[in-house]
Amino acid sequence: MIVLGRTARTFRNAVDIEEARWKPFKRTLKPPQRENFDRIFDYARTCADAGTMMTTPRVTEVVLISTIIEMLQELQDLREKVAQFEEKKWHL
């Protein structure tokens, strides 16, 4: 995107900058926690198109909302798998 001769940063770039801002925090986490930390920003990148629709995004808010959306989807997927498992169990 070009704005008055300048290149405007993309939302994905903003996520990268926000992730870099949190690096000191990440370094203090245990390895499994670091993996989860990385997942948060991966989730944010999956919703980057939606993040670009925010006129003046607070990047951290969009990162957190994106993460919540992805986690809710994972939870729903797990619930469906459990329900399928329980249904099969009762039919045996």
N, C-alpha and C. Protein backbone atom coordinates (compact mmCIF):
# COMPACT_ATOMS: atom_id res chain seq x y z
N MET A 1 0.85 -1.16 0.00
CA MET A 1 0.00 0.00 0.00
C MET A 1 0.90 1.23 0.00
N ILE A 2 0.62 2.18 -0.89
CA ILE A 2 1.40 3.41 -0.99
C ILE A 2 0.57 4.57 -0.48
N VAL A 3 1.16 5.35 0.41
CA VAL A 3 0.49 6.52 0.96
C VAL A 3 1.41 7.71 0.78
N LEU A 4 1.01 8.66 -0.10
CA LEU A 4 1.80 9.88 -0.35
C LEU A 4 3.28 9.57 -0.56
N GLY A 5 3.56 8.62 -1.44
CA GLY A 5 4.94 8.32 -1.77
C GLY A 5 5.66 7.45 -0.76
N ARG A 6 5.01 7.09 0.30
CA ARG A 6 5.63 6.23 1.31
C ARG A 6 4.95 4.88 1.31
N THR A 7 5.69 3.90 1.69
CA THR A 7 5.11 2.58 1.81
C THR A 7 4.57 2.42 3.22
N ALA A 8 3.27 2.16 3.34
CA ALA A 8 2.67 1.95 4.65
C ALA A 8 2.95 0.51 5.06
N ARG A 9 3.26 0.31 6.31
CA ARG A 9 3.53 -1.04 6.76
C ARG A 9 2.24 -1.85 6.78
N THR A 10 2.39 -3.12 6.51
CA THR A 10 1.23 -3.99 6.51
C THR A 10 0.92 -4.41 7.94
N PHE A 11 -0.25 -4.98 8.11
CA PHE A 11 -0.61 -5.45 9.44
C PHE A 11 0.32 -6.58 9.86
N ARG A 12 0.71 -7.42 8.90
CA ARG A 12 1.65 -8.51 9.21
C ARG A 12 2.97 -7.94 9.74
N ASN A 13 3.42 -6.84 9.15
CA ASN A 13 4.64 -6.19 9.65
C ASN A 13 4.42 -5.68 11.07
N ALA A 14 3.23 -5.14 11.32
CA ALA A 14 2.91 -4.64 12.66
C ALA A 14 2.93 -5.78 13.67
N VAL A 15 2.44 -6.95 13.27
CA VAL A 15 2.47 -8.12 14.16
C VAL A 15 3.91 -8.51 14.44
N ASP A 16 4.75 -8.50 13.41
CA ASP A 16 6.16 -8.83 13.60
C ASP A 16 6.84 -7.86 14.57
N ILE A 17 6.52 -6.59 14.43
CA ILE A 17 7.10 -5.57 15.32
C ILE A 17 6.62 -5.80 16.75
N GLU A 18 5.33 -6.10 16.91
CA GLU A 18 4.78 -6.34 18.24
C GLU A 18 5.42 -7.59 18.87
N GLU A 19 5.60 -8.63 18.07
CA GLU A 19 6.24 -9.85 18.57
C GLU A 19 7.67 -9.54 19.02
N ALA A 20 8.39 -8.75 18.26
CA ALA A 20 9.76 -8.38 18.63
C ALA A 20 9.77 -7.58 19.94
N ARG A 21 8.75 -6.76 20.13
CA ARG A 21 8.66 -5.96 21.37
C ARG A 21 8.53 -6.85 22.60
N TRP A 22 7.94 -8.04 22.42
CA TRP A 22 7.71 -8.97 23.52
C TRP A 22 8.86 -9.97 23.70
N LYS A 23 9.92 -9.87 22.92
CA LYS A 23 11.02 -10.84 23.02
C LYS A 23 11.63 -10.95 24.41
N PRO A 24 11.87 -9.85 25.13
CA PRO A 24 12.42 -10.01 26.49
C PRO A 24 11.51 -10.86 27.38
N PHE A 25 10.22 -10.69 27.24
CA PHE A 25 9.26 -11.50 27.99
C PHE A 25 9.39 -12.97 27.59
N LYS A 26 9.44 -13.21 26.29
CA LYS A 26 9.53 -14.58 25.78
C LYS A 26 10.77 -15.30 26.30
N ARG A 27 11.88 -14.59 26.37
CA ARG A 27 13.13 -15.22 26.83
C ARG A 27 13.03 -15.78 28.24
N THR A 28 12.15 -15.22 29.06
CA THR A 28 12.04 -15.69 30.44
C THR A 28 11.10 -16.90 30.58
N LEU A 29 10.41 -17.26 29.52
CA LEU A 29 9.47 -18.38 29.56
C LEU A 29 10.20 -19.71 29.43
N LYS A 30 9.56 -20.75 29.94
CA LYS A 30 10.07 -22.11 29.76
C LYS A 30 9.79 -22.53 28.32
N PRO A 31 10.57 -23.49 27.78
CA PRO A 31 10.39 -23.88 26.37
C PRO A 31 8.95 -24.19 25.95
N PRO A 32 8.17 -24.97 26.72
CA PRO A 32 6.78 -25.19 26.26
C PRO A 32 5.96 -23.90 26.23
N GLN A 33 6.25 -23.00 27.16
CA GLN A 33 5.56 -21.71 27.18
C GLN A 33 5.96 -20.87 25.97
N ARG A 34 7.22 -20.97 25.57
CA ARG A 34 7.69 -20.23 24.39
C ARG A 34 6.96 -20.71 23.14
N GLU A 35 6.72 -22.02 23.06
CA GLU A 35 5.98 -22.55 21.91
C GLU A 35 4.58 -21.97 21.88
N ASN A 36 3.94 -21.89 23.03
CA ASN A 36 2.61 -21.29 23.09
C ASN A 36 2.63 -19.81 22.77
N PHE A 37 3.66 -19.14 23.23
CA PHE A 37 3.83 -17.71 22.91
C PHE A 37 3.91 -17.55 21.39
N ASP A 38 4.71 -18.38 20.73
CA ASP A 38 4.83 -18.30 19.27
C ASP A 38 3.50 -18.56 18.59
N ARG A 39 2.72 -19.48 19.15
CA ARG A 39 1.40 -19.78 18.57
C ARG A 39 0.49 -18.56 18.60
N ILE A 40 0.60 -17.76 19.65
CA ILE A 40 -0.23 -16.56 19.74
C ILE A 40 -0.01 -15.67 18.52
N PHE A 41 1.24 -15.44 18.18
CA PHE A 41 1.53 -14.56 17.05
C PHE A 41 1.25 -15.25 15.72
N ASP A 42 1.38 -16.58 15.68
CA ASP A 42 0.98 -17.32 14.47
C ASP A 42 -0.51 -17.16 14.25
N TYR A 43 -1.29 -17.27 15.33
CA TYR A 43 -2.73 -17.08 15.23
C TYR A 43 -3.05 -15.68 14.71
N ALA A 44 -2.33 -14.70 15.21
CA ALA A 44 -2.58 -13.32 14.77
C ALA A 44 -2.34 -13.19 13.27
N ARG A 45 -1.33 -13.86 12.77
CA ARG A 45 -1.04 -13.79 11.33
C ARG A 45 -2.14 -14.46 10.51
N THR A 46 -2.81 -15.46 11.08
CA THR A 46 -3.89 -16.11 10.33
C THR A 46 -5.09 -15.17 10.18
N CYS A 47 -5.19 -14.20 11.05
CA CYS A 47 -6.29 -13.24 10.99
C CYS A 47 -5.81 -11.87 10.51
N ALA A 48 -4.68 -11.84 9.84
CA ALA A 48 -4.10 -10.56 9.42
C ALA A 48 -5.03 -9.79 8.47
N ASP A 49 -5.74 -10.50 7.62
CA ASP A 49 -6.66 -9.80 6.71
C ASP A 49 -7.71 -9.03 7.51
N ALA A 50 -8.23 -9.66 8.56
CA ALA A 50 -9.20 -8.97 9.41
C ALA A 50 -8.55 -7.81 10.14
N GLY A 51 -7.30 -8.00 10.56
CA GLY A 51 -6.58 -6.94 11.26
C GLY A 51 -6.38 -5.71 10.41
N THR A 52 -6.23 -5.89 9.10
CA THR A 52 -6.05 -4.74 8.22
C THR A 52 -7.33 -3.92 8.10
N MET A 53 -8.45 -4.52 8.45
CA MET A 53 -9.72 -3.80 8.36
C MET A 53 -9.95 -2.84 9.52
N MET A 54 -9.14 -2.95 10.55
CA MET A 54 -9.23 -2.02 11.67
C MET A 54 -8.60 -0.71 11.22
N THR A 55 -9.32 0.39 11.36
CA THR A 55 -8.79 1.66 10.87
C THR A 55 -7.58 2.14 11.66
N THR A 56 -7.63 2.02 12.94
CA THR A 56 -6.47 2.37 13.77
C THR A 56 -6.27 1.25 14.79
N PRO A 57 -5.70 0.13 14.32
CA PRO A 57 -5.61 -1.02 15.22
C PRO A 57 -4.61 -0.83 16.34
N ARG A 58 -4.97 -1.31 17.49
CA ARG A 58 -3.99 -1.51 18.55
C ARG A 58 -3.55 -2.94 18.33
N VAL A 59 -2.35 -3.09 17.86
CA VAL A 59 -1.89 -4.39 17.40
C VAL A 59 -2.06 -5.47 18.46
N THR A 60 -1.74 -5.16 19.70
CA THR A 60 -1.86 -6.16 20.76
C THR A 60 -3.30 -6.63 20.90
N GLU A 61 -4.26 -5.74 20.78
CA GLU A 61 -5.66 -6.14 20.89
C GLU A 61 -6.04 -7.09 19.76
N VAL A 62 -5.61 -6.80 18.54
CA VAL A 62 -5.93 -7.67 17.41
C VAL A 62 -5.24 -9.02 17.57
N VAL A 63 -4.00 -9.01 18.07
CA VAL A 63 -3.28 -10.26 18.33
C VAL A 63 -4.08 -11.11 19.32
N LEU A 64 -4.53 -10.51 20.40
CA LEU A 64 -5.26 -11.26 21.42
C LEU A 64 -6.62 -11.74 20.92
N ILE A 65 -7.35 -10.90 20.21
CA ILE A 65 -8.65 -11.31 19.67
C ILE A 65 -8.46 -12.44 18.67
N SER A 66 -7.45 -12.34 17.81
CA SER A 66 -7.17 -13.40 16.84
C SER A 66 -6.87 -14.71 17.54
N THR A 67 -6.11 -14.63 18.60
CA THR A 67 -5.76 -15.82 19.37
C THR A 67 -7.00 -16.44 19.99
N ILE A 68 -7.85 -15.62 20.55
CA ILE A 68 -9.08 -16.12 21.16
C ILE A 68 -9.94 -16.81 20.11
N ILE A 69 -10.06 -16.21 18.94
CA ILE A 69 -10.86 -16.80 17.86
C ILE A 69 -10.31 -18.18 17.49
N GLU A 70 -9.00 -18.28 17.31
CA GLU A 70 -8.39 -19.55 16.94
C GLU A 70 -8.52 -20.58 18.05
N MET A 71 -8.36 -20.16 19.29
CA MET A 71 -8.48 -21.09 20.41
C MET A 71 -9.92 -21.59 20.55
N LEU A 72 -10.88 -20.73 20.31
CA LEU A 72 -12.28 -21.15 20.36
C LEU A 72 -12.57 -22.18 19.27
N GLN A 73 -11.97 -21.98 18.09
CA GLN A 73 -12.16 -22.95 17.02
C GLN A 73 -11.54 -24.30 17.39
N GLU A 74 -10.35 -24.26 17.97
CA GLU A 74 -9.72 -25.51 18.42
C GLU A 74 -10.58 -26.20 19.48
N LEU A 75 -11.12 -25.42 20.40
CA LEU A 75 -11.98 -25.98 21.44
C LEU A 75 -13.22 -26.62 20.82
N GLN A 76 -13.83 -25.95 19.85
CA GLN A 76 -15.00 -26.51 19.18
C GLN A 76 -14.64 -27.80 18.46
N ASP A 77 -13.49 -27.82 17.78
CA ASP A 77 -13.05 -29.03 17.09
C ASP A 77 -12.87 -30.18 18.07
N LEU A 78 -12.27 -29.90 19.21
CA LEU A 78 -12.07 -30.94 20.23
C LEU A 78 -13.41 -31.43 20.79
N ARG A 79 -14.33 -30.52 21.02
CA ARG A 79 -15.65 -30.92 21.51
C ARG A 79 -16.34 -31.86 20.52
N GLU A 80 -16.22 -31.54 19.24
CA GLU A 80 -16.82 -32.39 18.22
C GLU A 80 -16.17 -33.77 18.20
N LYS A 81 -14.86 -33.82 18.34
CA LYS A 81 -14.16 -35.10 18.36
C LYS A 81 -14.57 -35.93 19.58
N VAL A 82 -14.69 -35.28 20.73
CA VAL A 82 -15.11 -35.98 21.94
C VAL A 82 -16.53 -36.52 21.76
N ALA A 83 -17.40 -35.71 21.19
CA ALA A 83 -18.78 -36.15 20.96
C ALA A 83 -18.82 -37.35 20.02
N GLN A 84 -18.00 -37.31 18.97
CA GLN A 84 -17.93 -38.44 18.03
C GLN A 84 -17.40 -39.69 18.73
N PHE A 85 -16.38 -39.51 19.55
CA PHE A 85 -15.81 -40.63 20.28
C PHE A 85 -16.85 -41.23 21.23
N GLU A 86 -17.54 -40.38 21.96
CA GLU A 86 -18.55 -40.87 22.90
C GLU A 86 -19.69 -41.57 22.17
N GLU A 87 -20.07 -41.06 21.02
CA GLU A 87 -21.12 -41.70 20.24
C GLU A 87 -20.70 -43.09 19.77
N LYS A 88 -19.46 -43.21 19.29
CA LYS A 88 -18.95 -44.51 18.86
C LYS A 88 -18.85 -45.48 20.03
N LYS A 89 -18.43 -44.96 21.17
CA LYS A 89 -18.27 -45.79 22.37
C LYS A 89 -19.61 -46.42 22.77
N TRP A 90 -20.68 -45.65 22.69
CA TRP A 90 -21.99 -46.16 23.10
C TRP A 90 -22.58 -47.12 22.07
N HIS A 91 -22.09 -47.06 20.83
CA HIS A 91 -22.60 -47.96 19.81
C HIS A 91 -21.87 -49.30 19.77
N LEU A 92 -20.82 -49.46 20.55
CA LEU A 92 -20.07 -50.71 20.54
C LEU A 92 -20.67 -51.75 21.40
